[in-house]
Amino acid sequence: MTVTASPSLHQQLDEHYPLTPQQIEQFQSQGFIKLKEVLSPEVLQHYGEEITRQVVQRNTNTKAMHERSTYQKAFLQITNLWTQSDIVKEFVFSRRLARIAAELMNVRGVRMYHDQALYKEPSGGFTPWHADQYYWPVDTDNTVTVWIPLQQISQEMGPLAFSATSHRYAVGRNIEISDDSEQKISKALLDKGLPLIDAPFDLGEISYHAGWTFHRAGPNTSTAPRKVMTVIYVADGCRVAQPKNKHQEGDLKAWFPGQKVGDLVDSPLNPVLYRA
């Protein structure tokens, strides 16, 4: 039997988290930001239990670790859980989280692109360097992903790491996530001397990164799974762009059902999550 959230937990997901002008400037200049104490331990425990239940129930990646590709070793990936669980929907539709995204991007409103649970199993491999927006057929760079650890994440678990200011450079933007991206993008970022920010996450600490910010994660060498939920936001008012690769063609069909190039992004799978 599923237990619904108490009003106090649900209310926390809607309360305003005040950002400073310095934090907004930091995000826009660095391409990412880590924010502490955004979600309480009680919120993470309650909604995390349901997210984990959904991941276990819906996961189809059951190969032994040594039989998987680099991408398959990186994490278990389950998308759009909000359409499968009302409890997950409460979490993903958090006005608190969506408003932070809008304020960081300096837009009046944001829509859902999709959510995804990313669970890195014990002995799970590294996540190669990549930029998310390589996969997205949208006509704006005003996009952001919130990365929400459902527990404290030690260095051994493989926290998300960022290449600071990399969203400003058009390097590696035509490379899908792979062993190839790990090698080529790593070299390109190294050649430019961009800082690598790789540090643990405290309980309740979350991060936001821009669509073109390059990021990766180390392997999970701990004995516990690294449990993370993410939500991708796009600026309200953006339009569907002509797909530039096969992955964008797939995303157009999957996340913008019934829409075509030039349409406003407003399918039933792309609700407004915050509007000022």
C-alpha atoms as a PDB file:
ATOM      1  CA  MET A   1       0.000   0.000   0.000  1.00  0.00           C
ATOM      2  CA  THR A   2       1.380   3.413  -0.978  1.00  0.00           C
ATOM      3  CA  VAL A   3       1.311   6.179   1.632  1.00  0.00           C
ATOM      4  CA  THR A   4       0.640   9.673   0.315  1.00  0.00           C
ATOM      5  CA  ALA A   5       2.762  12.623   1.372  1.00  0.00           C
ATOM      6  CA  SER A   6       1.675  14.754   4.289  1.00  0.00           C
ATOM      7  CA  PRO A   7       0.726  18.332   3.400  1.00  0.00           C
ATOM      8  CA  SER A   8       3.944  19.590   4.987  1.00  0.00           C
ATOM      9  CA  LEU A   9       6.121  17.562   2.593  1.00  0.00           C
ATOM     10  CA  HIS A  10       4.072  18.548  -0.449  1.00  0.00           C
ATOM     11  CA  GLN A  11       4.164  22.172   0.689  1.00  0.00           C
ATOM     12  CA  GLN A  12       7.961  22.088   0.867  1.00  0.00           C
ATOM     13  CA  LEU A  13       8.064  21.230  -2.832  1.00  0.00           C
ATOM     14  CA  ASP A  14       6.204  24.453  -3.636  1.00  0.00           C
ATOM     15  CA  GLU A  15       7.942  26.876  -1.259  1.00  0.00           C
ATOM     16  CA  HIS A  16      10.234  29.519  -2.738  1.00  0.00           C
ATOM     17  CA  TYR A  17      13.986  28.901  -2.471  1.00  0.00           C
ATOM     18  CA  PRO A  18      15.530  32.387  -2.660  1.00  0.00           C
ATOM     19  CA  LEU A  19      18.503  32.788  -4.982  1.00  0.00           C
ATOM     20  CA  THR A  20      20.985  35.634  -4.690  1.00  0.00           C
ATOM     21  CA  PRO A  21      22.048  37.705  -7.715  1.00  0.00           C
ATOM     22  CA  GLN A  22      25.527  36.247  -7.210  1.00  0.00           C
ATOM     23  CA  GLN A  23      24.222  32.692  -7.530  1.00  0.00           C
ATOM     24  CA  ILE A  24      22.366  33.512 -10.738  1.00  0.00           C
ATOM     25  CA  GLU A  25      25.471  35.176 -12.168  1.00  0.00           C
ATOM     26  CA  GLN A  26      27.562  32.190 -11.138  1.00  0.00           C
ATOM     27  CA  PHE A  27      25.258  29.799 -12.976  1.00  0.00           C
ATOM     28  CA  GLN A  28      25.228  31.912 -16.117  1.00  0.00           C
ATOM     29  CA  SER A  29      29.001  32.370 -16.160  1.00  0.00           C
ATOM     30  CA  GLN A  30      30.026  28.861 -15.061  1.00  0.00           C
ATOM     31  CA  GLY A  31      27.210  26.871 -16.698  1.00  0.00           C
ATOM     32  CA  PHE A  32      26.266  25.092 -13.477  1.00  0.00           C
ATOM     33  CA  ILE A  33      25.660  25.632  -9.791  1.00  0.00           C
ATOM     34  CA  LYS A  34      25.398  23.443  -6.703  1.00  0.00           C
ATOM     35  CA  LEU A  35      22.857  24.585  -4.089  1.00  0.00           C
ATOM     36  CA  LYS A  36      22.730  23.306  -0.515  1.00  0.00           C
ATOM     37  CA  GLU A  37      19.683  22.480   1.633  1.00  0.00           C
ATOM     38  CA  VAL A  38      17.178  22.736  -1.204  1.00  0.00           C
ATOM     39  CA  LEU A  39      15.263  19.620  -0.130  1.00  0.00           C
ATOM     40  CA  SER A  40      14.802  18.268   3.375  1.00  0.00           C
ATOM     41  CA  PRO A  41      15.797  14.744   4.431  1.00  0.00           C
ATOM     42  CA  GLU A  42      12.099  13.961   4.972  1.00  0.00           C
ATOM     43  CA  VAL A  43      11.175  14.990   1.412  1.00  0.00           C
ATOM     44  CA  LEU A  44      14.047  12.991  -0.068  1.00  0.00           C
ATOM     45  CA  GLN A  45      13.194   9.903   1.958  1.00  0.00           C
ATOM     46  CA  HIS A  46       9.472   9.957   1.175  1.00  0.00           C
ATOM     47  CA  TYR A  47       9.685  10.602  -2.550  1.00  0.00           C
ATOM     48  CA  GLY A  48      12.937   8.680  -2.915  1.00  0.00           C
ATOM     49  CA  GLU A  49      11.277   5.499  -1.703  1.00  0.00           C
ATOM     50  CA  GLU A  50       8.657   5.734  -4.463  1.00  0.00           C
ATOM     51  CA  ILE A  51      11.210   6.643  -7.141  1.00  0.00           C
ATOM     52  CA  THR A  52      13.324   3.649  -6.133  1.00  0.00           C
ATOM     53  CA  ARG A  53      10.270   1.386  -6.196  1.00  0.00           C
ATOM     54  CA  GLN A  54       9.474   2.548  -9.717  1.00  0.00           C
ATOM     55  CA  VAL A  55      13.077   2.075 -10.884  1.00  0.00           C
ATOM     56  CA  VAL A  56      13.219  -1.492  -9.530  1.00  0.00           C
ATOM     57  CA  GLN A  57       9.851  -2.307 -11.078  1.00  0.00           C
ATOM     58  CA  ARG A  58      10.556  -0.807 -14.513  1.00  0.00           C
ATOM     59  CA  ASN A  59      14.248  -1.506 -15.030  1.00  0.00           C
ATOM     60  CA  THR A  60      14.990  -3.768 -17.997  1.00  0.00           C
ATOM     61  CA  ASN A  61      18.804  -3.585 -17.835  1.00  0.00           C
ATOM     62  CA  THR A  62      19.454  -6.964 -16.214  1.00  0.00           C
ATOM     63  CA  LYS A  63      22.694  -7.995 -17.961  1.00  0.00           C
ATOM     64  CA  ALA A  64      25.717  -8.779 -15.836  1.00  0.00           C
ATOM     65  CA  MET A  65      27.953  -5.702 -15.523  1.00  0.00           C
ATOM     66  CA  HIS A  66      30.743  -7.226 -17.637  1.00  0.00           C
ATOM     67  CA  GLU A  67      28.291  -7.815 -20.501  1.00  0.00           C
ATOM     68  CA  ARG A  68      27.126  -4.199 -20.713  1.00  0.00           C
ATOM     69  CA  SER A  69      28.330  -1.329 -22.899  1.00  0.00           C
ATOM     70  CA  THR A  70      30.029   1.690 -21.322  1.00  0.00           C
ATOM     71  CA  TYR A  71      26.720   3.570 -21.372  1.00  0.00           C
ATOM     72  CA  GLN A  72      24.819   0.647 -19.846  1.00  0.00           C
ATOM     73  CA  LYS A  73      27.413   0.326 -17.071  1.00  0.00           C
ATOM     74  CA  ALA A  74      27.066   4.015 -16.194  1.00  0.00           C
ATOM     75  CA  PHE A  75      23.559   3.851 -14.736  1.00  0.00           C
ATOM     76  CA  LEU A  76      20.057   2.435 -14.826  1.00  0.00           C
ATOM     77  CA  GLN A  77      17.966   5.033 -16.676  1.00  0.00           C
ATOM     78  CA  ILE A  78      14.174   5.199 -16.374  1.00  0.00           C
ATOM     79  CA  THR A  79      12.363   8.136 -18.005  1.00  0.00           C
ATOM     80  CA  ASN A  80       9.098  10.004 -17.455  1.00  0.00           C
ATOM     81  CA  LEU A  81       8.246   8.336 -14.174  1.00  0.00           C
ATOM     82  CA  TRP A  82       5.831  11.220 -13.553  1.00  0.00           C
ATOM     83  CA  THR A  83       3.430   9.598 -16.003  1.00  0.00           C
ATOM     84  CA  GLN A  84       3.509   6.323 -14.037  1.00  0.00           C
ATOM     85  CA  SER A  85       3.188   7.474 -10.426  1.00  0.00           C
ATOM     86  CA  ASP A  86       1.216  10.309  -8.841  1.00  0.00           C
ATOM     87  CA  ILE A  87       3.749  10.469  -6.017  1.00  0.00           C
ATOM     88  CA  VAL A  88       6.654  10.898  -8.444  1.00  0.00           C
ATOM     89  CA  LYS A  89       4.559  13.474 -10.293  1.00  0.00           C
ATOM     90  CA  GLU A  90       4.257  15.542  -7.099  1.00  0.00           C
ATOM     91  CA  PHE A  91       8.035  15.540  -6.818  1.00  0.00           C
ATOM     92  CA  VAL A  92       8.818  16.221 -10.484  1.00  0.00           C
ATOM     93  CA  PHE A  93       6.207  18.999 -10.672  1.00  0.00           C
ATOM     94  CA  SER A  94       7.814  20.813  -7.725  1.00  0.00           C
ATOM     95  CA  ARG A  95       7.256  24.546  -8.159  1.00  0.00           C
ATOM     96  CA  ARG A  96      10.278  25.150  -5.909  1.00  0.00           C
ATOM     97  CA  LEU A  97      12.630  23.296  -8.255  1.00  0.00           C
ATOM     98  CA  ALA A  98      11.080  24.717 -11.439  1.00  0.00           C
ATOM     99  CA  ARG A  99      11.224  28.298 -10.178  1.00  0.00           C
ATOM    100  CA  ILE A 100      14.937  27.921  -9.428  1.00  0.00           C
ATOM    101  CA  ALA A 101      15.439  26.733 -13.021  1.00  0.00           C
ATOM    102  CA  ALA A 102      13.517  29.704 -14.436  1.00  0.00           C
ATOM    103  CA  GLU A 103      15.397  32.232 -12.311  1.00  0.00           C
ATOM    104  CA  LEU A 104      18.787  30.740 -13.167  1.00  0.00           C
ATOM    105  CA  MET A 105      17.930  30.957 -16.893  1.00  0.00           C
ATOM    106  CA  ASN A 106      16.349  34.410 -16.475  1.00  0.00           C
ATOM    107  CA  VAL A 107      13.060  33.363 -18.090  1.00  0.00           C
ATOM    108  CA  ARG A 108       9.470  33.833 -16.939  1.00  0.00           C
ATOM    109  CA  GLY A 109       8.479  30.215 -17.224  1.00  0.00           C
ATOM    110  CA  VAL A 110       9.717  26.672 -17.827  1.00  0.00           C
ATOM    111  CA  ARG A 111       8.213  23.510 -19.272  1.00  0.00           C
ATOM    112  CA  MET A 112       8.995  19.878 -18.731  1.00  0.00           C
ATOM    113  CA  TYR A 113      11.197  18.184 -21.323  1.00  0.00           C
ATOM    114  CA  HIS A 114      11.238  14.912 -19.430  1.00  0.00           C
ATOM    115  CA  ASP A 115      12.352  13.428 -16.131  1.00  0.00           C
ATOM    116  CA  GLN A 116      14.748  10.551 -15.659  1.00  0.00           C
ATOM    117  CA  ALA A 117      15.951   8.461 -12.749  1.00  0.00           C
ATOM    118  CA  LEU A 118      19.677   7.705 -12.966  1.00  0.00           C
ATOM    119  CA  TYR A 119      20.745   4.950 -10.583  1.00  0.00           C
ATOM    120  CA  LYS A 120      24.437   4.023 -10.629  1.00  0.00           C
ATOM    121  CA  GLU A 121      24.723   0.528  -9.186  1.00  0.00           C
ATOM    122  CA  PRO A 122      27.585  -0.644  -6.954  1.00  0.00           C
ATOM    123  CA  SER A 123      30.473  -1.434  -9.332  1.00  0.00           C
ATOM    124  CA  GLY A 124      28.725   0.696 -11.972  1.00  0.00           C
ATOM    125  CA  GLY A 125      31.090   2.337 -14.428  1.00  0.00           C
ATOM    126  CA  PHE A 126      31.969   5.942 -15.176  1.00  0.00           C
ATOM    127  CA  THR A 127      29.618   8.263 -17.060  1.00  0.00           C
ATOM    128  CA  PRO A 128      31.529   9.648 -20.083  1.00  0.00           C
ATOM    129  CA  TRP A 129      31.898  13.355 -20.818  1.00  0.00           C
ATOM    130  CA  HIS A 130      28.896  14.711 -22.720  1.00  0.00           C
ATOM    131  CA  ALA A 131      26.531  17.653 -23.137  1.00  0.00           C
ATOM    132  CA  ASP A 132      22.816  16.879 -22.809  1.00  0.00           C
ATOM    133  CA  GLN A 133      21.631  19.285 -25.474  1.00  0.00           C
ATOM    134  CA  TYR A 134      23.223  17.169 -28.212  1.00  0.00           C
ATOM    135  CA  TYR A 135      20.041  15.085 -27.864  1.00  0.00           C
ATOM    136  CA  TRP A 136      17.391  17.826 -27.781  1.00  0.00           C
ATOM    137  CA  PRO A 137      15.544  19.189 -30.865  1.00  0.00           C
ATOM    138  CA  VAL A 138      14.730  22.636 -29.452  1.00  0.00           C
ATOM    139  CA  ASP A 139      15.427  26.088 -30.892  1.00  0.00           C
ATOM    140  CA  THR A 140      16.925  27.554 -27.708  1.00  0.00           C
ATOM    141  CA  ASP A 141      19.986  27.143 -25.530  1.00  0.00           C
ATOM    142  CA  ASN A 142      17.852  28.176 -22.553  1.00  0.00           C
ATOM    143  CA  THR A 143      17.638  24.680 -21.102  1.00  0.00           C
ATOM    144  CA  VAL A 144      18.694  23.243 -17.770  1.00  0.00           C
ATOM    145  CA  THR A 145      18.803  19.954 -15.898  1.00  0.00           C
ATOM    146  CA  VAL A 146      18.345  19.645 -12.151  1.00  0.00           C
ATOM    147  CA  TRP A 147      20.338  16.718 -10.687  1.00  0.00           C
ATOM    148  CA  ILE A 148      18.825  15.599  -7.390  1.00  0.00           C
ATOM    149  CA  PRO A 149      20.688  13.067  -5.250  1.00  0.00           C
ATOM    150  CA  LEU A 150      18.201  11.158  -3.108  1.00  0.00           C
ATOM    151  CA  GLN A 151      20.893  10.591  -0.503  1.00  0.00           C
ATOM    152  CA  GLN A 152      24.294  11.966   0.461  1.00  0.00           C
ATOM    153  CA  ILE A 153      26.765  11.153  -2.310  1.00  0.00           C
ATOM    154  CA  SER A 154      30.377  10.464  -1.420  1.00  0.00           C
ATOM    155  CA  GLN A 155      33.252  10.751  -3.868  1.00  0.00           C
ATOM    156  CA  GLU A 156      33.347   6.954  -4.089  1.00  0.00           C
ATOM    157  CA  MET A 157      29.776   6.860  -5.408  1.00  0.00           C
ATOM    158  CA  GLY A 158      30.561   8.925  -8.511  1.00  0.00           C
ATOM    159  CA  PRO A 159      29.072  12.413  -8.011  1.00  0.00           C
ATOM    160  CA  LEU A 160      28.308  14.565 -11.036  1.00  0.00           C
ATOM    161  CA  ALA A 161      31.354  16.576 -12.130  1.00  0.00           C
ATOM    162  CA  PHE A 162      31.334  19.703 -14.293  1.00  0.00           C
ATOM    163  CA  SER A 163      33.645  21.472 -16.708  1.00  0.00           C
ATOM    164  CA  ALA A 164      33.233  25.083 -15.639  1.00  0.00           C
ATOM    165  CA  THR A 165      32.414  27.564 -18.464  1.00  0.00           C
ATOM    166  CA  SER A 166      32.325  24.738 -21.033  1.00  0.00           C
ATOM    167  CA  HIS A 167      28.849  25.838 -22.170  1.00  0.00           C
ATOM    168  CA  ARG A 168      30.565  28.827 -23.788  1.00  0.00           C
ATOM    169  CA  TYR A 169      32.675  26.714 -26.158  1.00  0.00           C
ATOM    170  CA  ALA A 170      31.432  24.863 -29.238  1.00  0.00           C
ATOM    171  CA  VAL A 171      33.706  21.866 -28.739  1.00  0.00           C
ATOM    172  CA  GLY A 172      32.461  18.296 -28.817  1.00  0.00           C
ATOM    173  CA  ARG A 173      28.886  19.303 -29.515  1.00  0.00           C
ATOM    174  CA  ASN A 174      28.545  16.733 -32.273  1.00  0.00           C
ATOM    175  CA  ILE A 175      29.618  13.721 -30.186  1.00  0.00           C
ATOM    176  CA  GLU A 176      27.184  11.350 -28.471  1.00  0.00           C
ATOM    177  CA  ILE A 177      27.958   9.942 -25.039  1.00  0.00           C
ATOM    178  CA  SER A 178      30.430   7.086 -25.474  1.00  0.00           C
ATOM    179  CA  ASP A 179      34.026   6.007 -24.947  1.00  0.00           C
ATOM    180  CA  ASP A 180      34.779   8.305 -27.870  1.00  0.00           C
ATOM    181  CA  SER A 181      33.210  11.303 -26.125  1.00  0.00           C
ATOM    182  CA  GLU A 182      35.171  10.565 -22.945  1.00  0.00           C
ATOM    183  CA  GLN A 183      38.462  10.695 -24.827  1.00  0.00           C
ATOM    184  CA  LYS A 184      37.834  13.501 -27.320  1.00  0.00           C
ATOM    185  CA  ILE A 185      35.919  15.868 -25.062  1.00  0.00           C
ATOM    186  CA  SER A 186      38.309  15.300 -22.166  1.00  0.00           C
ATOM    187  CA  LYS A 187      41.213  16.317 -24.398  1.00  0.00           C
ATOM    188  CA  ALA A 188      39.355  19.362 -25.773  1.00  0.00           C
ATOM    189  CA  LEU A 189      38.453  20.618 -22.292  1.00  0.00           C
ATOM    190  CA  LEU A 190      41.972  19.945 -21.057  1.00  0.00           C
ATOM    191  CA  ASP A 191      43.464  21.838 -23.978  1.00  0.00           C
ATOM    192  CA  LYS A 192      41.328  24.857 -23.069  1.00  0.00           C
ATOM    193  CA  GLY A 193      42.348  24.623 -19.426  1.00  0.00           C
ATOM    194  CA  LEU A 194      38.773  24.634 -18.140  1.00  0.00           C
ATOM    195  CA  PRO A 195      38.383  23.902 -14.415  1.00  0.00           C
ATOM    196  CA  LEU A 196      37.009  20.507 -13.385  1.00  0.00           C
ATOM    197  CA  ILE A 197      34.631  20.658 -10.425  1.00  0.00           C
ATOM    198  CA  ASP A 198      34.277  17.192  -8.943  1.00  0.00           C
ATOM    199  CA  ALA A 199      33.086  16.986  -5.337  1.00  0.00           C
ATOM    200  CA  PRO A 200      30.638  15.048  -3.121  1.00  0.00           C
ATOM    201  CA  PHE A 201      27.030  16.158  -2.555  1.00  0.00           C
ATOM    202  CA  ASP A 202      25.666  16.719   0.936  1.00  0.00           C
ATOM    203  CA  LEU A 203      22.187  15.473   1.798  1.00  0.00           C
ATOM    204  CA  GLY A 204      19.724  18.000   0.362  1.00  0.00           C
ATOM    205  CA  GLU A 205      22.303  19.522  -2.001  1.00  0.00           C
ATOM    206  CA  ILE A 206      21.350  19.540  -5.692  1.00  0.00           C
ATOM    207  CA  SER A 207      22.833  20.938  -8.893  1.00  0.00           C
ATOM    208  CA  TYR A 208      21.615  22.662 -12.035  1.00  0.00           C
ATOM    209  CA  HIS A 209      23.579  22.585 -15.281  1.00  0.00           C
ATOM    210  CA  ALA A 210      22.934  24.207 -18.646  1.00  0.00           C
ATOM    211  CA  GLY A 211      22.192  22.081 -21.697  1.00  0.00           C
ATOM    212  CA  TRP A 212      25.613  22.692 -23.249  1.00  0.00           C
ATOM    213  CA  THR A 213      27.634  22.308 -20.041  1.00  0.00           C
ATOM    214  CA  PHE A 214      29.907  19.283 -20.308  1.00  0.00           C
ATOM    215  CA  HIS A 215      29.740  16.893 -17.373  1.00  0.00           C
ATOM    216  CA  ARG A 216      30.685  13.360 -16.377  1.00  0.00           C
ATOM    217  CA  ALA A 217      30.731  11.125 -13.305  1.00  0.00           C
ATOM    218  CA  GLY A 218      33.191   8.626 -11.910  1.00  0.00           C
ATOM    219  CA  PRO A 219      32.392   4.957 -11.228  1.00  0.00           C
ATOM    220  CA  ASN A 220      30.528   3.841  -8.141  1.00  0.00           C
ATOM    221  CA  THR A 221      33.154   2.021  -6.081  1.00  0.00           C
ATOM    222  CA  SER A 222      30.979   1.964  -2.959  1.00  0.00           C
ATOM    223  CA  THR A 223      28.702  -0.873  -1.855  1.00  0.00           C
ATOM    224  CA  ALA A 224      25.496   1.193  -2.150  1.00  0.00           C
ATOM    225  CA  PRO A 225      23.610   2.400  -5.245  1.00  0.00           C
ATOM    226  CA  ARG A 226      23.924   6.080  -6.183  1.00  0.00           C
ATOM    227  CA  LYS A 227      20.270   7.157  -6.410  1.00  0.00           C
ATOM    228  CA  VAL A 228      19.551  10.296  -8.437  1.00  0.00           C
ATOM    229  CA  MET A 229      16.419  11.859  -9.926  1.00  0.00           C
ATOM    230  CA  THR A 230      16.616  14.489 -12.650  1.00  0.00           C
ATOM    231  CA  VAL A 231      14.241  16.880 -14.388  1.00  0.00           C
ATOM    232  CA  ILE A 232      15.012  18.669 -17.639  1.00  0.00           C
ATOM    233  CA  TYR A 233      13.446  22.099 -18.172  1.00  0.00           C
ATOM    234  CA  VAL A 234      13.137  24.149 -21.364  1.00  0.00           C
ATOM    235  CA  ALA A 235      12.162  27.812 -21.540  1.00  0.00           C
ATOM    236  CA  ASP A 236       8.434  28.313 -22.007  1.00  0.00           C
ATOM    237  CA  GLY A 237       7.826  29.628 -25.525  1.00  0.00           C
ATOM    238  CA  CYS A 238      10.592  27.674 -27.255  1.00  0.00           C
ATOM    239  CA  ARG A 239       9.874  25.757 -30.442  1.00  0.00           C
ATOM    240  CA  VAL A 240      10.644  22.369 -31.910  1.00  0.00           C
ATOM    241  CA  ALA A 241      13.811  22.558 -34.024  1.00  0.00           C
ATOM    242  CA  GLN A 242      14.841  20.539 -37.051  1.00  0.00           C
ATOM    243  CA  PRO A 243      16.570  17.413 -35.679  1.00  0.00           C
ATOM    244  CA  LYS A 244      20.327  17.427 -36.265  1.00  0.00           C
ATOM    245  CA  ASN A 245      20.993  13.734 -35.602  1.00  0.00           C
ATOM    246  CA  LYS A 246      19.215  10.410 -35.158  1.00  0.00           C
ATOM    247  CA  HIS A 247      18.949  10.916 -31.413  1.00  0.00           C
ATOM    248  CA  GLN A 248      17.088  14.212 -31.851  1.00  0.00           C
ATOM    249  CA  GLU A 249      14.770  12.491 -34.307  1.00  0.00           C
ATOM    250  CA  GLY A 250      14.011   9.916 -31.626  1.00  0.00           C
ATOM    251  CA  ASP A 251      13.519  12.568 -28.961  1.00  0.00           C
ATOM    252  CA  LEU A 252      11.095  14.480 -31.198  1.00  0.00           C
ATOM    253  CA  LYS A 253       8.879  11.409 -31.406  1.00  0.00           C
ATOM    254  CA  ALA A 254       9.267  10.421 -27.763  1.00  0.00           C
ATOM    255  CA  TRP A 255       8.982  13.730 -25.906  1.00  0.00           C
ATOM    256  CA  PHE A 256       7.002  15.957 -28.328  1.00  0.00           C
ATOM    257  CA  PRO A 257       4.233  13.581 -29.445  1.00  0.00           C
ATOM    258  CA  GLY A 258       2.122  14.960 -32.285  1.00  0.00           C
ATOM    259  CA  GLN A 259       4.352  18.000 -32.778  1.00  0.00           C
ATOM    260  CA  LYS A 260       6.368  19.030 -35.812  1.00  0.00           C
ATOM    261  CA  VAL A 261       9.292  21.326 -36.546  1.00  0.00           C
ATOM    262  CA  GLY A 262       8.377  24.952 -35.825  1.00  0.00           C
ATOM    263  CA  ASP A 263       5.612  24.163 -33.334  1.00  0.00           C
ATOM    264  CA  LEU A 264       5.652  25.646 -29.862  1.00  0.00           C
ATOM    265  CA  VAL A 265       6.780  23.051 -27.341  1.00  0.00           C
ATOM    266  CA  ASP A 266       3.460  22.391 -25.612  1.00  0.00           C
ATOM    267  CA  SER A 267       2.490  18.740 -26.028  1.00  0.00           C
ATOM    268  CA  PRO A 268       0.742  16.948 -23.146  1.00  0.00           C
ATOM    269  CA  LEU A 269       4.186  15.647 -22.098  1.00  0.00           C
ATOM    270  CA  ASN A 270       5.561  19.208 -21.787  1.00  0.00           C
ATOM    271  CA  PRO A 271       3.433  20.953 -19.143  1.00  0.00           C
ATOM    272  CA  VAL A 272       4.342  24.320 -17.674  1.00  0.00           C
ATOM    273  CA  LEU A 273       5.982  23.663 -14.306  1.00  0.00           C
ATOM    274  CA  TYR A 274       6.494  27.311 -13.352  1.00  0.00           C
ATOM    275  CA  ARG A 275       5.351  30.624 -14.743  1.00  0.00           C
ATOM    276  CA  ALA A 276       5.934  33.971 -13.023  1.00  0.00           C
END
